[in-house]
N, C-alpha and C. Protein backbone atom coordinates (compact mmCIF):
# COMPACT_ATOMS: atom_id res chain seq x y z
N MET A 1 0.85 -1.18 0.00
CA MET A 1 0.00 0.00 0.00
C MET A 1 0.88 1.23 0.00
N PRO A 2 0.51 2.23 -0.78
CA PRO A 2 1.26 3.48 -0.70
C PRO A 2 0.97 4.16 0.64
N GLU A 3 1.82 5.10 0.99
CA GLU A 3 1.55 5.87 2.22
C GLU A 3 0.24 6.62 2.04
N VAL A 4 -0.54 6.75 3.10
CA VAL A 4 -1.81 7.46 3.03
C VAL A 4 -1.58 8.91 2.60
N ARG A 5 -0.47 9.47 2.99
CA ARG A 5 -0.13 10.84 2.58
C ARG A 5 -0.17 10.94 1.05
N LYS A 6 0.29 9.90 0.36
CA LYS A 6 0.29 9.89 -1.11
C LYS A 6 -1.15 9.84 -1.63
N CYS A 7 -1.98 9.03 -1.01
CA CYS A 7 -3.38 8.94 -1.41
C CYS A 7 -4.07 10.31 -1.29
N LEU A 8 -3.74 10.99 -0.21
CA LEU A 8 -4.40 12.27 0.06
C LEU A 8 -3.90 13.39 -0.84
N LEU A 9 -2.80 13.19 -1.54
CA LEU A 9 -2.37 14.21 -2.51
C LEU A 9 -3.49 14.46 -3.52
N CYS A 10 -4.15 13.40 -3.95
CA CYS A 10 -5.28 13.55 -4.87
C CYS A 10 -6.60 13.69 -4.12
N HIS A 11 -6.77 12.88 -3.08
CA HIS A 11 -8.07 12.83 -2.43
C HIS A 11 -8.36 14.02 -1.53
N ASN A 12 -7.44 14.95 -1.39
CA ASN A 12 -7.77 16.22 -0.74
C ASN A 12 -8.53 17.12 -1.71
N VAL A 13 -8.56 16.71 -3.00
CA VAL A 13 -9.26 17.47 -4.04
C VAL A 13 -10.32 16.62 -4.71
N ILE A 14 -9.95 15.38 -5.06
CA ILE A 14 -10.85 14.50 -5.81
C ILE A 14 -11.73 13.72 -4.84
N ILE A 15 -13.01 13.77 -5.03
CA ILE A 15 -14.07 13.16 -4.21
C ILE A 15 -13.77 13.28 -2.71
N LYS A 16 -13.29 14.45 -2.31
CA LYS A 16 -12.88 14.64 -0.92
C LYS A 16 -14.04 14.53 0.07
N ASP A 17 -15.28 14.74 -0.39
CA ASP A 17 -16.43 14.64 0.51
C ASP A 17 -17.10 13.27 0.49
N PHE A 18 -16.55 12.34 -0.26
CA PHE A 18 -17.03 10.96 -0.28
C PHE A 18 -16.71 10.36 1.09
N GLN A 19 -17.70 9.78 1.75
CA GLN A 19 -17.53 9.35 3.15
C GLN A 19 -16.30 8.46 3.38
N PRO A 20 -16.03 7.46 2.55
CA PRO A 20 -14.81 6.67 2.81
C PRO A 20 -13.53 7.50 2.75
N ILE A 21 -13.49 8.52 1.92
CA ILE A 21 -12.31 9.39 1.86
C ILE A 21 -12.26 10.27 3.11
N ARG A 22 -13.39 10.73 3.56
CA ARG A 22 -13.41 11.51 4.82
C ARG A 22 -12.94 10.65 5.98
N ASP A 23 -13.36 9.38 6.00
CA ASP A 23 -12.91 8.46 7.05
C ASP A 23 -11.40 8.25 6.98
N LEU A 24 -10.90 8.06 5.77
CA LEU A 24 -9.45 7.89 5.56
C LEU A 24 -8.69 9.10 6.10
N ARG A 25 -9.16 10.30 5.76
CA ARG A 25 -8.50 11.52 6.21
C ARG A 25 -8.55 11.63 7.74
N ALA A 26 -9.66 11.22 8.35
CA ALA A 26 -9.79 11.29 9.81
C ALA A 26 -8.78 10.37 10.49
N TYR A 27 -8.63 9.15 9.98
CA TYR A 27 -7.61 8.24 10.54
C TYR A 27 -6.22 8.87 10.41
N PHE A 28 -5.95 9.43 9.24
CA PHE A 28 -4.65 10.06 9.00
C PHE A 28 -4.42 11.23 9.96
N ASP A 29 -5.43 12.09 10.10
CA ASP A 29 -5.30 13.26 10.98
C ASP A 29 -5.08 12.86 12.44
N ARG A 30 -5.66 11.73 12.84
CA ARG A 30 -5.50 11.26 14.23
C ARG A 30 -4.27 10.36 14.39
N SER A 31 -3.52 10.17 13.32
CA SER A 31 -2.35 9.27 13.32
C SER A 31 -2.72 7.87 13.79
N GLN A 32 -3.88 7.40 13.38
CA GLN A 32 -4.35 6.07 13.74
C GLN A 32 -4.17 5.12 12.56
N PRO A 33 -3.92 3.86 12.83
CA PRO A 33 -3.83 2.90 11.72
C PRO A 33 -5.18 2.76 11.01
N ILE A 34 -5.12 2.57 9.73
CA ILE A 34 -6.34 2.45 8.93
C ILE A 34 -6.72 0.98 8.84
N PRO A 35 -7.98 0.65 9.12
CA PRO A 35 -8.42 -0.75 9.01
C PRO A 35 -8.73 -1.09 7.55
N TRP A 36 -7.66 -1.32 6.78
CA TRP A 36 -7.83 -1.58 5.35
C TRP A 36 -8.69 -2.81 5.12
N GLN A 37 -9.46 -2.80 4.05
CA GLN A 37 -10.25 -3.95 3.65
C GLN A 37 -9.51 -4.63 2.50
N ARG A 38 -9.15 -5.87 2.68
CA ARG A 38 -8.38 -6.60 1.67
C ARG A 38 -9.24 -6.85 0.44
N ILE A 39 -8.67 -6.54 -0.74
CA ILE A 39 -9.34 -6.78 -2.01
C ILE A 39 -8.76 -8.02 -2.68
N TYR A 40 -7.44 -8.13 -2.65
CA TYR A 40 -6.74 -9.24 -3.30
C TYR A 40 -6.23 -10.20 -2.23
N THR A 41 -6.40 -11.48 -2.47
CA THR A 41 -5.84 -12.49 -1.57
C THR A 41 -5.18 -13.58 -2.41
N LEU A 42 -4.17 -14.16 -1.84
CA LEU A 42 -3.50 -15.30 -2.45
C LEU A 42 -3.55 -16.46 -1.47
N PRO A 43 -3.51 -17.68 -1.98
CA PRO A 43 -3.48 -18.82 -1.07
C PRO A 43 -2.19 -18.81 -0.25
N ASP A 44 -2.21 -19.47 0.90
CA ASP A 44 -1.05 -19.50 1.79
C ASP A 44 0.20 -20.10 1.13
N TYR A 45 0.02 -20.96 0.15
CA TYR A 45 1.16 -21.62 -0.48
C TYR A 45 1.80 -20.78 -1.61
N ALA A 46 1.24 -19.60 -1.88
CA ALA A 46 1.82 -18.71 -2.91
C ALA A 46 2.32 -17.45 -2.23
N HIS A 47 3.50 -17.01 -2.63
CA HIS A 47 4.11 -15.81 -2.04
C HIS A 47 4.33 -14.78 -3.14
N PHE A 48 4.14 -13.54 -2.80
CA PHE A 48 4.26 -12.47 -3.78
C PHE A 48 5.00 -11.30 -3.16
N SER A 49 5.89 -10.70 -3.93
CA SER A 49 6.61 -9.52 -3.47
C SER A 49 6.37 -8.36 -4.44
N HIS A 50 5.76 -7.30 -3.95
CA HIS A 50 5.62 -6.09 -4.77
C HIS A 50 6.99 -5.51 -5.10
N GLU A 51 7.92 -5.66 -4.16
CA GLU A 51 9.23 -5.03 -4.29
C GLU A 51 9.92 -5.41 -5.60
N MET A 52 9.94 -6.69 -5.93
CA MET A 52 10.60 -7.13 -7.16
C MET A 52 9.92 -6.57 -8.41
N HIS A 53 8.61 -6.49 -8.36
CA HIS A 53 7.85 -6.00 -9.50
C HIS A 53 8.06 -4.51 -9.69
N LEU A 54 8.07 -3.77 -8.60
CA LEU A 54 8.32 -2.33 -8.69
C LEU A 54 9.74 -2.06 -9.19
N ALA A 55 10.69 -2.82 -8.67
CA ALA A 55 12.08 -2.66 -9.11
C ALA A 55 12.23 -3.00 -10.59
N GLY A 56 11.38 -3.89 -11.09
CA GLY A 56 11.42 -4.28 -12.49
C GLY A 56 10.65 -3.33 -13.40
N GLY A 57 10.08 -2.28 -12.81
CA GLY A 57 9.37 -1.29 -13.62
C GLY A 57 7.97 -1.70 -14.04
N ILE A 58 7.41 -2.70 -13.37
CA ILE A 58 6.05 -3.13 -13.70
C ILE A 58 5.06 -2.13 -13.11
N ASP A 59 4.21 -1.59 -13.96
CA ASP A 59 3.22 -0.61 -13.51
C ASP A 59 2.14 -1.29 -12.69
N CYS A 60 1.68 -0.64 -11.64
CA CYS A 60 0.64 -1.21 -10.76
C CYS A 60 -0.60 -1.65 -11.54
N GLY A 61 -0.92 -0.90 -12.59
CA GLY A 61 -2.10 -1.19 -13.39
C GLY A 61 -2.05 -2.52 -14.11
N GLU A 62 -0.86 -3.09 -14.27
CA GLU A 62 -0.76 -4.40 -14.91
C GLU A 62 -1.56 -5.45 -14.15
N CYS A 63 -1.59 -5.34 -12.83
CA CYS A 63 -2.32 -6.31 -12.00
C CYS A 63 -3.58 -5.70 -11.37
N HIS A 64 -3.52 -4.41 -11.08
CA HIS A 64 -4.60 -3.80 -10.32
C HIS A 64 -5.57 -3.00 -11.18
N GLY A 65 -5.35 -2.94 -12.48
CA GLY A 65 -6.24 -2.19 -13.36
C GLY A 65 -5.98 -0.69 -13.25
N ASP A 66 -6.87 0.08 -13.81
CA ASP A 66 -6.72 1.54 -13.88
C ASP A 66 -7.20 2.18 -12.58
N VAL A 67 -6.41 1.99 -11.52
CA VAL A 67 -6.80 2.42 -10.18
C VAL A 67 -7.10 3.91 -10.12
N LYS A 68 -6.31 4.71 -10.81
CA LYS A 68 -6.49 6.17 -10.71
C LYS A 68 -7.85 6.62 -11.24
N ASN A 69 -8.53 5.78 -12.02
CA ASN A 69 -9.86 6.12 -12.50
C ASN A 69 -10.97 5.35 -11.81
N MET A 70 -10.64 4.62 -10.75
CA MET A 70 -11.66 3.90 -9.96
C MET A 70 -12.07 4.76 -8.78
N ASP A 71 -13.35 4.85 -8.52
CA ASP A 71 -13.75 5.56 -7.30
C ASP A 71 -13.74 4.61 -6.11
N ARG A 72 -13.74 3.31 -6.38
CA ARG A 72 -13.55 2.28 -5.36
C ARG A 72 -12.66 1.21 -5.97
N ILE A 73 -11.72 0.71 -5.19
CA ILE A 73 -10.81 -0.31 -5.70
C ILE A 73 -11.57 -1.63 -5.79
N VAL A 74 -11.47 -2.25 -6.94
CA VAL A 74 -12.07 -3.56 -7.17
C VAL A 74 -10.99 -4.46 -7.75
N GLN A 75 -11.19 -5.75 -7.64
CA GLN A 75 -10.25 -6.69 -8.23
C GLN A 75 -10.45 -6.67 -9.74
N ALA A 76 -9.48 -6.12 -10.45
CA ALA A 76 -9.59 -5.93 -11.89
C ALA A 76 -9.09 -7.13 -12.68
N MET A 77 -8.15 -7.86 -12.12
CA MET A 77 -7.53 -8.98 -12.82
C MET A 77 -7.65 -10.25 -11.97
N PRO A 78 -7.67 -11.42 -12.62
CA PRO A 78 -7.74 -12.66 -11.84
C PRO A 78 -6.39 -12.95 -11.19
N MET A 79 -6.36 -13.07 -9.90
CA MET A 79 -5.11 -13.39 -9.22
C MET A 79 -4.98 -14.91 -9.17
N GLU A 80 -4.72 -15.46 -10.34
CA GLU A 80 -4.58 -16.90 -10.49
C GLU A 80 -3.23 -17.20 -11.12
N MET A 81 -2.75 -18.39 -10.92
CA MET A 81 -1.43 -18.78 -11.39
C MET A 81 -1.24 -18.53 -12.89
N GLY A 82 -2.22 -18.85 -13.69
CA GLY A 82 -2.12 -18.65 -15.13
C GLY A 82 -1.90 -17.20 -15.51
N PHE A 83 -2.58 -16.30 -14.83
CA PHE A 83 -2.43 -14.86 -15.08
C PHE A 83 -0.99 -14.44 -14.82
N CYS A 84 -0.43 -14.90 -13.70
CA CYS A 84 0.94 -14.55 -13.34
C CYS A 84 1.96 -15.16 -14.31
N ILE A 85 1.77 -16.43 -14.64
CA ILE A 85 2.70 -17.09 -15.55
C ILE A 85 2.68 -16.43 -16.93
N ASP A 86 1.49 -16.10 -17.43
CA ASP A 86 1.39 -15.42 -18.72
C ASP A 86 2.17 -14.10 -18.70
N CYS A 87 2.04 -13.36 -17.62
CA CYS A 87 2.74 -12.09 -17.48
C CYS A 87 4.25 -12.32 -17.42
N HIS A 88 4.68 -13.31 -16.65
CA HIS A 88 6.11 -13.62 -16.55
C HIS A 88 6.66 -13.98 -17.93
N ARG A 89 5.94 -14.79 -18.67
CA ARG A 89 6.42 -15.18 -20.01
C ARG A 89 6.48 -13.98 -20.93
N LYS A 90 5.46 -13.15 -20.88
CA LYS A 90 5.41 -11.95 -21.73
C LYS A 90 6.59 -11.01 -21.43
N ASN A 91 7.02 -10.98 -20.17
CA ASN A 91 8.08 -10.06 -19.75
C ASN A 91 9.43 -10.75 -19.54
N ASP A 92 9.57 -11.97 -20.06
CA ASP A 92 10.81 -12.74 -19.92
C ASP A 92 11.27 -12.84 -18.47
N ALA A 93 10.31 -13.01 -17.57
CA ALA A 93 10.61 -13.21 -16.14
C ALA A 93 10.63 -14.71 -15.86
N PRO A 94 11.30 -15.13 -14.79
CA PRO A 94 11.39 -16.57 -14.51
C PRO A 94 10.02 -17.18 -14.21
N VAL A 95 9.86 -18.43 -14.60
CA VAL A 95 8.63 -19.16 -14.33
C VAL A 95 8.88 -20.41 -13.50
N LEU A 96 10.00 -20.43 -12.79
CA LEU A 96 10.30 -21.55 -11.90
C LEU A 96 9.27 -21.63 -10.78
N CYS A 97 8.88 -22.81 -10.39
CA CYS A 97 7.90 -22.98 -9.31
C CYS A 97 8.35 -22.27 -8.03
N THR A 98 9.65 -22.34 -7.76
CA THR A 98 10.18 -21.80 -6.49
C THR A 98 10.19 -20.26 -6.44
N ILE A 99 9.83 -19.61 -7.52
CA ILE A 99 9.73 -18.15 -7.51
C ILE A 99 8.56 -17.74 -6.60
N CYS A 100 7.46 -18.44 -6.68
CA CYS A 100 6.27 -18.08 -5.89
C CYS A 100 5.92 -19.10 -4.81
N HIS A 101 6.42 -20.30 -4.93
CA HIS A 101 6.08 -21.36 -3.98
C HIS A 101 7.33 -21.74 -3.18
N TYR A 102 7.42 -21.21 -1.96
CA TYR A 102 8.56 -21.51 -1.09
C TYR A 102 8.14 -21.47 0.36
């Protein structure tokens, strides 16, 4: 997740009066942790690192869809093994089982 401060760069202007955004800002202003609602889940036997993907220049939208144009985050892509393998092959990334299963 990006820092909430980054989210508020836009959301202090864009849909700032939308109740979930007001709630987000209130948590931020009180320096309280935000009770995020998980959208994407993976099975316990699969491991994923955003760090490697970001370092590789993979845009967030490749997996998360056009987030900047969503008023609510929804699961845009299937988080299934085939989706990941297809992406790895397309980007000449490794497809060894031990990349995600360890």
